[in-house]
Structure formats: structure tokens, C-alpha cells
Protein backbone atom coordinates (compact mmCIF):
# COMPACT_ATOMS: atom_id res chain seq x y z
CA MET A 1 31.83 -10.71 -3.92
CA SER A 2 31.26 -8.80 -0.66
CA GLU A 3 28.68 -11.35 0.54
CA THR A 4 28.42 -15.09 -0.10
CA ILE A 5 25.67 -15.82 -2.59
CA ARG A 6 23.66 -18.98 -1.90
CA VAL A 7 22.43 -20.80 -5.00
CA LEU A 8 19.93 -23.67 -5.27
CA VAL A 9 20.25 -25.81 -8.44
CA VAL A 10 17.05 -27.70 -9.27
CA ASP A 11 17.40 -30.21 -12.12
CA ASP A 12 16.44 -33.87 -12.65
CA GLU A 13 19.73 -34.68 -14.46
CA GLU A 14 22.28 -35.79 -11.86
CA PRO A 15 25.43 -35.16 -13.99
CA PHE A 16 24.26 -31.60 -14.71
CA ARG A 17 23.61 -30.91 -11.00
CA ARG A 18 27.03 -32.25 -10.04
CA LEU A 19 28.77 -30.19 -12.74
CA LEU A 20 27.00 -26.96 -11.81
CA LYS A 21 27.75 -27.43 -8.11
CA LYS A 22 31.44 -27.99 -8.82
CA GLU A 23 31.80 -25.04 -11.22
CA LEU A 24 29.81 -22.52 -9.18
CA THR A 25 31.49 -23.53 -5.90
CA ARG A 26 34.85 -22.91 -7.57
CA LYS A 27 33.60 -19.41 -8.42
CA GLY A 28 32.86 -18.66 -4.77
CA PHE A 29 29.15 -19.47 -4.51
CA VAL A 30 27.56 -21.71 -1.86
CA VAL A 31 25.59 -24.31 -3.81
CA GLU A 32 22.91 -26.87 -2.87
CA THR A 33 21.10 -29.13 -5.32
CA ALA A 34 17.65 -30.74 -5.62
CA ALA A 35 16.56 -33.45 -8.05
CA ASP A 36 12.91 -32.36 -8.31
CA GLY A 37 10.42 -29.71 -7.29
CA ARG A 38 9.32 -31.40 -4.08
CA ALA A 39 12.89 -31.65 -2.80
CA ALA A 40 13.51 -28.02 -3.80
CA LEU A 41 10.48 -26.77 -1.83
CA GLY A 42 11.72 -28.75 1.18
CA LEU A 43 15.14 -27.09 1.01
CA LEU A 44 13.52 -23.65 0.63
CA ARG A 45 11.69 -24.18 3.91
CA GLU A 46 14.91 -25.11 5.72
CA GLN A 47 17.54 -22.81 4.22
CA VAL A 48 17.98 -19.31 2.82
CA PHE A 49 18.88 -19.03 -0.87
CA ASN A 50 19.47 -15.93 -2.95
CA VAL A 51 19.14 -17.43 -6.43
CA ILE A 52 17.49 -20.57 -7.87
CA LEU A 53 18.79 -22.12 -11.11
CA LEU A 54 15.69 -23.98 -12.20
CA ASP A 55 14.92 -26.57 -14.85
CA ILE A 56 11.38 -26.36 -16.25
CA VAL A 57 10.69 -29.94 -17.36
CA MET A 58 10.90 -32.29 -14.36
CA PRO A 59 8.79 -35.15 -13.00
CA GLY A 60 6.30 -34.32 -10.23
CA VAL A 61 6.36 -30.62 -9.38
CA ASP A 62 7.93 -28.99 -12.46
CA GLY A 63 9.69 -25.63 -12.74
CA ILE A 64 6.51 -23.70 -13.54
CA GLY A 65 4.86 -25.30 -10.50
CA ILE A 66 7.67 -24.11 -8.24
CA MET A 67 7.45 -20.58 -9.68
CA LYS A 68 3.70 -20.46 -9.07
CA ARG A 69 4.26 -21.55 -5.44
CA LEU A 70 6.84 -18.80 -4.90
CA LYS A 71 5.28 -16.07 -7.05
CA ASN A 72 3.35 -14.31 -4.27
CA ASP A 73 6.18 -14.44 -1.72
CA PRO A 74 8.11 -11.15 -2.00
CA ALA A 75 11.01 -12.72 -0.07
CA SER A 76 11.45 -15.71 -2.40
CA PRO A 77 14.81 -16.19 -4.19
CA VAL A 78 15.33 -14.82 -7.68
CA ILE A 79 14.72 -17.48 -10.32
CA VAL A 80 16.92 -18.08 -13.38
CA VAL A 81 15.53 -20.75 -15.69
CA LEU A 82 18.00 -23.21 -17.29
CA THR A 83 16.68 -25.77 -19.74
CA GLY A 84 17.81 -27.85 -22.68
CA ARG A 85 14.34 -27.91 -24.18
CA ALA A 86 13.87 -24.23 -24.80
CA THR A 87 10.93 -22.94 -26.80
CA VAL A 88 9.41 -19.50 -27.11
CA GLU A 89 6.34 -20.76 -25.25
CA THR A 90 8.29 -22.03 -22.23
CA ALA A 91 10.32 -18.81 -22.12
CA VAL A 92 7.15 -16.68 -22.11
CA GLU A 93 5.52 -18.91 -19.49
CA ALA A 94 8.60 -18.70 -17.26
CA MET A 95 8.75 -14.91 -17.49
CA LYS A 96 5.01 -14.61 -16.77
CA ASN A 97 5.53 -16.58 -13.58
CA GLY A 98 8.34 -14.44 -12.28
CA ALA A 99 11.61 -15.74 -13.78
CA TYR A 100 14.35 -13.10 -13.74
CA ASP A 101 16.20 -14.54 -16.74
CA TYR A 102 16.26 -17.51 -19.10
CA LEU A 103 19.25 -19.50 -20.42
CA SER A 104 19.36 -22.50 -22.74
CA LYS A 105 21.73 -25.45 -22.34
CA PRO A 106 24.56 -25.59 -23.26
CA TYR A 107 25.56 -22.36 -21.58
CA LYS A 108 28.85 -20.51 -21.02
CA LEU A 109 30.02 -20.59 -17.40
CA ASP A 110 31.19 -16.97 -17.44
CA GLU A 111 27.80 -15.86 -18.75
CA LEU A 112 26.02 -17.88 -16.05
CA VAL A 113 28.20 -16.35 -13.29
CA ILE A 114 27.36 -12.83 -14.54
CA ILE A 115 23.64 -13.64 -14.58
CA VAL A 116 23.72 -15.15 -11.05
CA ASN A 117 25.46 -12.02 -9.72
CA ARG A 118 22.94 -9.77 -11.47
CA ALA A 119 20.04 -11.87 -10.17
CA TYR A 120 21.43 -11.57 -6.64
CA GLU A 121 21.64 -7.77 -6.89
CA PHE A 122 18.11 -7.68 -8.31
CA GLY A 123 16.81 -9.78 -5.43
CA ARG A 124 18.64 -7.74 -2.81
CA LEU A 125 16.81 -4.63 -3.98
CA SER A 126 13.49 -6.20 -4.99
CA VAL A 127 11.63 -5.54 -1.72
CA LYS A 128 12.77 -1.93 -1.75
CA ASN A 129 11.89 -1.56 -5.43
CA ARG A 130 8.45 -3.05 -4.85
CA LEU A 131 7.63 -0.63 -2.07
CA LEU A 132 9.20 2.36 -3.80
CA GLN A 133 6.86 2.13 -6.81
CA GLN A 134 4.35 4.25 -4.89
CA GLU A 135 7.22 6.61 -4.07
CA LEU A 136 7.96 7.21 -7.77
CA VAL A 137 4.32 8.14 -8.34
CA ARG A 138 4.49 10.61 -5.47
CA LYS A 139 7.69 12.24 -6.70
CA GLU A 140 6.33 12.65 -10.21
CA SER A 141 2.96 14.02 -9.06
CA PRO A 142 2.69 17.67 -8.01
CA VAL A 143 1.16 18.39 -4.60
CA GLU A 144 -2.42 19.48 -5.38
CA PHE A 145 -3.68 21.02 -2.14
CA VAL A 146 -6.84 22.65 -3.50
CA CYS A 147 -8.66 24.90 -1.04
CA THR A 148 -10.09 28.37 -0.54
CA SER A 149 -11.71 28.10 2.90
CA SER A 150 -10.06 29.68 5.93
CA LYS A 151 -10.13 26.33 7.79
CA MET A 152 -8.10 24.52 5.13
CA LYS A 153 -5.75 27.46 4.66
CA ALA A 154 -5.03 27.18 8.39
CA VAL A 155 -4.30 23.46 7.91
CA LEU A 156 -1.93 24.25 5.03
CA SER A 157 -0.17 26.87 7.15
CA LEU A 158 0.28 24.34 9.96
CA ILE A 159 1.68 21.82 7.46
CA ARG A 160 4.27 24.30 6.19
CA LYS A 161 5.39 25.17 9.74
CA THR A 162 5.70 21.59 10.98
CA ALA A 163 6.92 19.82 7.83
CA PRO A 164 10.63 20.76 8.27
CA THR A 165 10.75 19.13 11.73
CA ASP A 166 11.24 15.42 12.44
CA SER A 167 8.47 15.27 15.05
CA PRO A 168 5.70 12.68 14.74
CA VAL A 169 2.43 13.96 13.26
CA LEU A 170 -1.09 12.69 13.95
CA ILE A 171 -3.63 13.54 11.24
CA GLN A 172 -7.27 13.22 12.29
CA GLY A 173 -10.33 13.44 10.12
CA GLU A 174 -13.31 11.55 8.77
CA SER A 175 -12.94 9.07 5.92
CA GLY A 176 -12.43 10.81 2.60
CA THR A 177 -11.22 14.16 3.97
CA GLY A 178 -7.75 13.82 2.44
CA LYS A 179 -5.50 12.55 5.23
CA GLU A 180 -3.08 10.89 2.81
CA LEU A 181 -2.86 14.12 0.78
CA VAL A 182 -1.91 15.97 3.99
CA ALA A 183 0.75 13.34 4.76
CA ASN A 184 2.08 13.64 1.21
CA THR A 185 2.21 17.45 1.52
CA ILE A 186 4.09 17.25 4.84
CA TRP A 187 6.63 14.91 3.23
CA HIS A 188 6.91 17.17 0.16
CA PHE A 189 7.85 20.21 2.27
CA SER A 190 10.09 18.26 4.67
CA GLY A 191 13.85 17.84 4.67
CA ARG A 192 13.27 14.15 3.93
CA SER A 193 11.56 14.67 0.56
CA SER A 194 14.59 13.23 -1.26
CA SER A 195 14.05 9.96 0.67
CA PRO A 196 11.01 7.70 0.47
CA LEU A 197 7.53 8.16 1.90
CA ILE A 198 6.28 4.62 2.54
CA ALA A 199 2.64 4.00 3.45
CA LEU A 200 1.01 1.15 5.37
CA ASN A 201 -2.74 0.86 5.96
CA CYS A 202 -3.02 -0.68 9.42
CA ALA A 203 -6.59 -1.88 8.73
CA SER A 204 -5.73 -3.72 5.51
CA LEU A 205 -3.80 -6.61 7.07
CA SER A 206 -4.58 -9.27 9.65
CA GLU A 207 -3.08 -8.94 13.12
CA ASN A 208 -0.56 -11.69 12.31
CA LEU A 209 0.67 -10.07 9.11
CA ILE A 210 0.85 -6.40 10.07
CA GLU A 211 3.88 -6.84 12.38
CA SER A 212 5.70 -8.83 9.70
CA GLU A 213 4.92 -6.17 7.08
CA LEU A 214 6.02 -3.36 9.39
CA PHE A 215 9.14 -4.84 11.01
CA GLY A 216 9.94 -7.83 8.74
CA HIS A 217 10.46 -11.44 9.76
CA GLU A 218 13.16 -14.09 9.96
CA LYS A 219 13.06 -17.34 8.03
CA GLY A 220 10.87 -19.93 9.72
CA SER A 221 9.18 -17.46 12.08
CA PHE A 222 5.82 -18.74 10.81
CA THR A 223 4.58 -21.44 8.43
CA SER A 224 4.93 -19.61 5.12
CA ALA A 225 8.11 -17.70 6.03
CA TYR A 226 10.43 -19.53 3.64
CA GLN A 227 12.87 -16.60 3.62
CA ALA A 228 13.86 -13.67 5.80
CA LYS A 229 12.03 -10.45 4.83
CA ASN A 230 12.81 -6.78 5.34
CA GLY A 231 10.07 -4.70 6.96
CA ILE A 232 8.91 -1.40 5.53
CA VAL A 233 10.62 0.48 8.39
CA GLU A 234 13.93 -0.61 6.82
CA VAL A 235 12.80 0.49 3.39
CA ALA A 236 11.75 3.87 4.80
CA ASP A 237 15.15 4.43 6.50
CA LYS A 238 16.15 8.12 6.28
CA GLY A 239 12.65 8.82 4.97
CA THR A 240 9.05 8.98 6.22
CA LEU A 241 6.65 6.24 7.31
CA PHE A 242 2.92 6.92 6.91
CA LEU A 243 0.72 4.70 9.10
CA ASP A 244 -2.86 5.09 7.93
CA GLU A 245 -5.77 4.02 10.14
CA ILE A 246 -3.44 3.83 13.16
CA GLY A 247 -6.48 3.30 15.39
CA GLU A 248 -6.81 -0.24 14.00
CA THR A 249 -3.35 -1.29 15.23
CA PRO A 250 -3.55 -4.39 17.48
CA LEU A 251 -2.73 -3.74 21.15
CA GLY A 252 0.14 -6.25 21.10
CA LEU A 253 1.89 -4.33 18.34
CA GLN A 254 1.32 -0.92 19.95
CA ALA A 255 4.02 -1.51 22.60
CA LYS A 256 6.57 -2.37 19.89
CA LEU A 257 5.51 0.65 17.88
CA LEU A 258 5.97 2.88 20.93
CA ARG A 259 9.51 1.56 21.45
CA PHE A 260 10.24 2.16 17.78
CA LEU A 261 9.00 5.76 18.02
CA ASP A 262 11.13 6.40 21.12
CA SER A 263 14.40 4.90 19.91
CA GLY A 264 14.16 3.89 16.25
CA GLU A 265 14.83 0.31 17.42
CA PHE A 266 12.83 -2.74 16.34
CA ARG A 267 13.08 -6.49 15.99
CA ARG A 268 11.97 -8.62 13.09
CA VAL A 269 9.40 -11.29 13.90
CA GLY A 270 11.28 -14.38 15.12
CA SER A 271 14.48 -12.47 15.96
CA ASN A 272 16.06 -11.34 19.23
CA ARG A 273 18.43 -8.89 17.53
CA ASN A 274 17.74 -5.15 17.71
CA LEU A 275 17.95 -3.14 14.48
CA THR A 276 17.86 0.65 14.20
CA VAL A 277 16.61 3.00 11.49
CA ASP A 278 16.06 6.75 11.17
CA VAL A 279 12.42 7.29 10.19
CA ARG A 280 9.89 10.08 10.70
CA VAL A 281 6.41 8.74 11.48
CA ILE A 282 3.17 10.31 10.28
CA ALA A 283 -0.01 8.60 11.48
CA ALA A 284 -3.62 9.12 10.46
CA THR A 285 -6.96 8.03 11.85
CA ASN A 286 -10.68 8.56 11.38
CA LYS A 287 -11.29 7.30 14.94
CA ASP A 288 -11.55 9.24 18.18
CA LEU A 289 -8.33 7.99 19.77
CA VAL A 290 -9.17 9.63 23.12
CA GLU A 291 -12.28 7.43 23.27
CA ARG A 292 -10.19 4.42 22.23
CA VAL A 293 -7.80 5.16 25.07
CA LYS A 294 -10.74 5.27 27.52
CA GLU A 295 -12.04 1.97 26.13
CA GLY A 296 -8.61 0.38 26.61
CA SER A 297 -8.13 -0.46 22.92
CA PHE A 298 -5.39 2.13 22.35
CA ARG A 299 -2.39 2.80 24.58
CA GLU A 300 -2.38 6.22 26.21
CA ASP A 301 1.42 6.52 26.04
CA LEU A 302 1.40 5.72 22.31
CA TYR A 303 -1.34 8.30 21.73
CA TYR A 304 0.71 11.05 23.41
CA ARG A 305 3.87 9.95 21.57
CA LEU A 306 2.10 10.19 18.20
CA ASN A 307 0.21 13.37 19.04
CA VAL A 308 3.22 15.71 19.17
CA ILE A 309 1.79 17.62 16.20
CA ASN A 310 -1.94 17.25 15.64
CA ILE A 311 -3.55 18.21 12.35
CA ALA A 312 -7.35 18.00 12.34
CA ILE A 313 -8.95 18.07 8.90
CA PRO A 314 -12.50 19.46 8.97
CA PRO A 315 -15.17 17.54 7.06
CA LEU A 316 -16.33 18.98 3.75
CA ARG A 317 -19.74 19.99 5.19
CA GLU A 318 -17.88 22.40 7.50
CA ARG A 319 -15.90 24.06 4.69
CA LYS A 320 -18.37 24.41 1.87
CA ASP A 321 -16.36 27.28 0.39
CA ASP A 322 -14.03 24.57 -0.92
CA ILE A 323 -16.73 22.71 -2.88
CA PRO A 324 -16.69 24.91 -6.04
CA VAL A 325 -12.87 24.89 -6.36
CA LEU A 326 -12.64 21.17 -5.64
CA ALA A 327 -15.42 20.40 -8.14
CA SER A 328 -13.65 22.51 -10.79
CA HIS A 329 -10.36 20.76 -10.06
CA PHE A 330 -11.93 17.29 -10.43
CA VAL A 331 -13.83 18.29 -13.59
CA LEU A 332 -10.61 19.39 -15.30
CA LYS A 333 -8.76 16.32 -14.03
CA TYR A 334 -11.25 13.78 -15.41
CA ALA A 335 -12.09 15.77 -18.55
CA ALA A 336 -8.39 15.66 -19.46
CA ARG A 337 -8.14 11.96 -18.57
CA LEU A 338 -11.22 11.10 -20.64
CA SER A 339 -10.41 13.59 -23.45
CA LYS A 340 -13.74 15.39 -23.10
CA PRO A 341 -14.15 19.17 -23.76
CA ILE A 342 -15.83 19.95 -20.44
CA GLU A 343 -14.99 23.31 -18.89
CA GLY A 344 -16.76 23.22 -15.51
CA CYS A 345 -20.15 23.13 -13.79
CA THR A 346 -23.25 25.23 -14.37
CA PRO A 347 -24.37 27.53 -11.50
CA ALA A 348 -27.31 25.19 -10.85
CA ALA A 349 -24.96 22.21 -10.58
CA LEU A 350 -22.70 24.10 -8.17
CA ASP A 351 -25.75 25.03 -6.05
CA MET A 352 -26.72 21.37 -5.96
CA LEU A 353 -23.21 20.32 -4.95
CA SER A 354 -23.07 22.98 -2.24
CA ALA A 355 -26.46 22.03 -0.78
CA TYR A 356 -25.37 18.43 -0.12
CA ASP A 357 -23.58 17.56 3.13
CA TRP A 358 -21.10 14.99 1.72
CA PRO A 359 -20.90 12.25 4.37
CA GLY A 360 -18.18 10.68 2.20
CA ASN A 361 -16.32 14.03 2.09
CA VAL A 362 -13.87 14.93 -0.69
CA ARG A 363 -13.56 11.34 -1.89
CA GLU A 364 -17.33 11.17 -2.43
CA LEU A 365 -17.30 14.53 -4.25
CA GLU A 366 -14.54 13.28 -6.54
CA ASN A 367 -16.48 10.10 -7.34
CA VAL A 368 -19.65 12.10 -8.11
CA VAL A 369 -17.74 14.49 -10.39
CA GLU A 370 -15.94 11.65 -12.18
CA ARG A 371 -19.29 9.98 -12.92
CA ALA A 372 -20.73 13.31 -14.08
CA VAL A 373 -17.83 13.86 -16.50
CA ILE A 374 -18.44 10.41 -17.96
CA LEU A 375 -22.17 11.10 -18.45
CA CYS A 376 -21.97 14.76 -19.54
CA ASP A 377 -22.67 15.49 -23.22
CA SER A 378 -22.20 19.28 -23.11
CA ASP A 379 -19.50 21.83 -22.27
CA ASN A 380 -20.56 22.11 -18.63
CA ILE A 381 -21.86 19.67 -16.06
CA GLY A 382 -25.50 20.29 -15.15
CA PRO A 383 -27.78 19.00 -12.38
CA GLN A 384 -28.95 16.18 -14.66
CA ASP A 385 -25.39 14.77 -14.68
CA LEU A 386 -25.06 14.64 -10.89
CA ALA A 387 -25.97 11.54 -8.91
CA ILE A 388 -26.52 13.00 -5.43
CA PRO A 389 -28.99 11.56 -2.93
CA VAL A 390 -31.93 13.90 -2.32
CA MET A 391 -31.03 15.03 1.17
CA THR A 392 -31.75 18.33 2.88
CA SER A 393 -28.78 20.22 4.21
CA LEU A 394 -28.09 19.84 7.93
CA SER A 395 -28.35 23.56 8.49
CA ALA A 396 -31.85 23.74 6.96
CA ARG A 397 -33.40 21.02 9.13
CA ALA A 398 -35.14 21.57 12.42
CA ASP A 399 -34.85 17.93 13.45
CA GLN A 400 -31.17 17.53 12.66
CA PRO A 401 -30.29 13.84 12.38
CA SER A 402 -26.99 12.59 13.78
CA LEU A 403 -24.08 12.08 11.38
CA ASP A 404 -24.29 8.35 12.07
CA GLU A 405 -27.95 8.32 10.97
CA MET A 406 -27.08 10.21 7.80
CA GLU A 407 -24.19 7.90 7.04
CA LYS A 408 -26.30 4.79 7.66
CA ASP A 409 -29.06 6.14 5.40
CA TYR A 410 -26.59 6.96 2.65
CA ILE A 411 -24.91 3.54 2.83
CA LEU A 412 -28.32 1.86 2.55
CA ARG A 413 -29.15 3.98 -0.52
CA VAL A 414 -25.85 3.07 -2.18
CA LEU A 415 -26.28 -0.63 -1.35
CA ARG A 416 -29.72 -0.58 -2.95
CA GLU A 417 -28.28 1.15 -6.01
CA ALA A 418 -25.53 -1.51 -6.16
CA LYS A 419 -28.15 -4.29 -5.72
CA GLY A 420 -26.38 -5.49 -2.57
CA ASN A 421 -22.96 -5.84 -4.23
CA GLN A 422 -20.55 -4.72 -1.50
CA SER A 423 -17.57 -4.36 -3.86
CA ARG A 424 -19.53 -2.01 -6.11
CA ALA A 425 -20.99 -0.14 -3.11
CA SER A 426 -17.53 0.43 -1.60
CA GLN A 427 -16.35 1.84 -4.95
CA ILE A 428 -19.29 4.27 -5.09
CA LEU A 429 -18.72 5.30 -1.48
CA GLY A 430 -14.99 5.73 -2.05
CA ILE A 431 -13.96 3.43 0.82
CA ASP A 432 -12.32 0.01 0.88
CA ARG A 433 -14.34 -3.17 1.45
CA LYS A 434 -13.06 -3.69 4.99
CA THR A 435 -14.16 -0.20 6.03
CA LEU A 436 -17.60 -0.83 4.49
CA TYR A 437 -17.83 -4.17 6.32
CA LEU A 438 -17.02 -2.48 9.64
CA LYS A 439 -19.64 0.22 9.00
CA LEU A 440 -22.29 -2.40 8.11
CA LYS A 441 -21.47 -4.26 11.31
CA ARG A 442 -21.59 -1.03 13.32
CA TYR A 443 -25.02 -0.05 11.98
CA GLY A 444 -26.42 -3.58 12.14
CA ILE A 445 -26.96 -3.79 8.38
CA SER A 446 -27.04 -7.39 7.21
């Protein structure tokens, strides 16, 4: 073994614990033992283990109880269940709660050693595997950059020119314009496309957790840090890191992010050791970062470091030539998914789609088309299938309202339609609940 594997044996039978410790130590493992679940959880707080050999039936906190405590910690040791009272039910319950494997007593030592080594390898790669699931979806999905307008063709041209470089990219655009699609397209055409594209939404985590998720943490660096954890910058090594909603990054983390961009160096939370990776950074925001810099909530030096290549995505209301091709694309996508023989939209439906100003942009258009495909009973989607607020186009109004007023009005309409249910409203709007909460707070909507 190239690295010492640390094993925790948890069993209420003292002779069995003593025997396992002796045999596994002889095989080169470092072994600690615990007589019950409470003692095991105490050891997990104090020491790092790679594999737990766990009995299910114990007094106090049993094996299933330990698994449930550790289930949501991605840095927890890999669990192999050992029990002399094996049943199909206990095996199924153990696997449901995250056990890697299951062995019945009596067992063969050689078989157990093989399983411990396999469990260790599984655990060593588990964080990477967890984060690379999104990567597999990206690699298997073709890049679908659907556009016909001159503005979006210019964006696509800029993407193709800048993708082969390793320079940071800042993508700016309103919510729902397709910033992640642009990031995915840059990665697809880059020299790093054979390595991962790992995404982190900077608005989806609390200030305390985002640094740990980004750079990782050492054991004991905070209350629930039972084990050391790799950050996603390590997982993205040799690949691309996509930081969505970069404008929401806490000020304290911005200095560390700037250092990382300059040198590739970072430190895990709770560590004083510098680590280095080779990562290209793509950032995206729907905020005006220049205004944020003026307000003092975003570092000017970080803004300039990120803004080496700037890609501004125009809102859908400014590129209405794209509406028919996007609508057709989404119709075919959801008709195939729902196995419905729908070919497209009627001219009247397309006129209706083109007359609307789409405050929720492409994401809102996709949601409207998906709903229309579900409701449509004919070969083509008609006006009767479209759920679009009755709103006059900006260009046709003398007293043009501000975009904020339009957005506030639309959010209120959707909230009424959802009977005040914010989860349902955020789904209709095509935004996450936190974004909706921030918009409600901004517009003073209770």
C-alpha cells in the first residue's frame, strides 16, 4: 500500500474487536476500535479514518444510527458493514444509508483485506466522483447554442476566439439569458475540454460554507468538520472552474480568490499550508459589478482580474430575432421528451411570443413552451396554449416603465397565480428560491 489506511472497527463484542485489530494491523493497516456508536462518533471527531468496519446491532447508537449521522457528510469514511445477524432487510437498510459493502460473520481475512482496500480507493475518489457527475452530463450533451440574431452570433464568435486561451472570462447578463450555456460552450471549444468543468453557485451557500466548498477544509476546522475535505478547485485541477453569481461572493473570500487567480495557490480552511492547482476560471454575474465596486461590496482588483475577457449577453427583448428559433428548439425538445407529435408553433403563437418582452429571458421562454407542449392537443402550439402575461411591448408604449417595474409586476402576477407559494413561483419564473427571496426583498414585497 502506497499510503497507510486508517480503519475504525465499531463492534460491541470485545473479542471480535481485539481479533480484527490484531489481524488488520498485521496486514499493514492502522486500526482503532470502539465498543459502541457513541464512542465511534467521538473518535471520528478527533481522528481521521478512511474506512469504518461497522456492526449494525449495538446498544445505544446502533450502526444504522451512525450511518444516518454520517450520510450527508461527503468527507465521511467509507462504511463496510460486518454483522453476525445478517438478514436481507438489514443489508438493504445498510445500503440505503450509504454502506459501501456488506459482509457476514464469519468472514475470510483475505476477502476482508481486499474489501477494505477497495473501500479506501472508492473513498479517495468519492468527492471527485460526486462533483464529476455534472461533468458526465456535459460531455454527453451536445452544445446547443441556438441563435439567429446578429448580437448572439457576435457572442458566439467571441466565444470561439477566446475559448482556446487560458485567460479568465467574465460573463455578464440578466437572469435567464444563458450564462451557464456560454460557460459550457467556452469549455467545449477550449483546450481543457478533456478535463472537468466544475460549477459553483456563489449565491447558493452561506458565507461560512462557500470557502470550504471552494478550497476545502481540514479536520476540526469547524464543528461539523469530522474529516478533511478536498475543495472543488482541487477537483477542477487541469480543467475549468465556473463561478456563477460571482457578485454574491463575500468580501472576506474575495482576497483569497484574487490570490488564487494570480498564482493558482490556495489554502484549505484551517490550514497554513499552500496548495497549487492549474485551473481556468470562468465567472458569471447578473449584477453590475462596476456599481458593486463603487459601493465597496466588490474588490476593484478582483473585478479587473476577472474581466480579462468580457462577454455580455443581451437580454431576449433586445434580440427578438432569436425567439422563433428558440421556441422551435424548445418545442421539439419537450415534444420528444413527452412523446407528443407537436411540430412547432402557429404564426399567431409566434406573434404572441415575439410581442412579449420576456423579463425572465430565455429561461422564462423555455418554461412557457414546456407548459404549452404539455397542454397542447394539436400538431402545433397555438395562442390558447401559451400562458403569457398580457403586457404591451416596451417599444409600443409611450410611458415606458422601467425594467424593475416590469419585473416587480410580473413577479406579483406569478405569486398570485401560485397563491403565494414561493417554491412554485420560483419554478414558474425559472429562478432559484434564494434569487426570488432577494428580489422580493428588493421590491419590498412581503
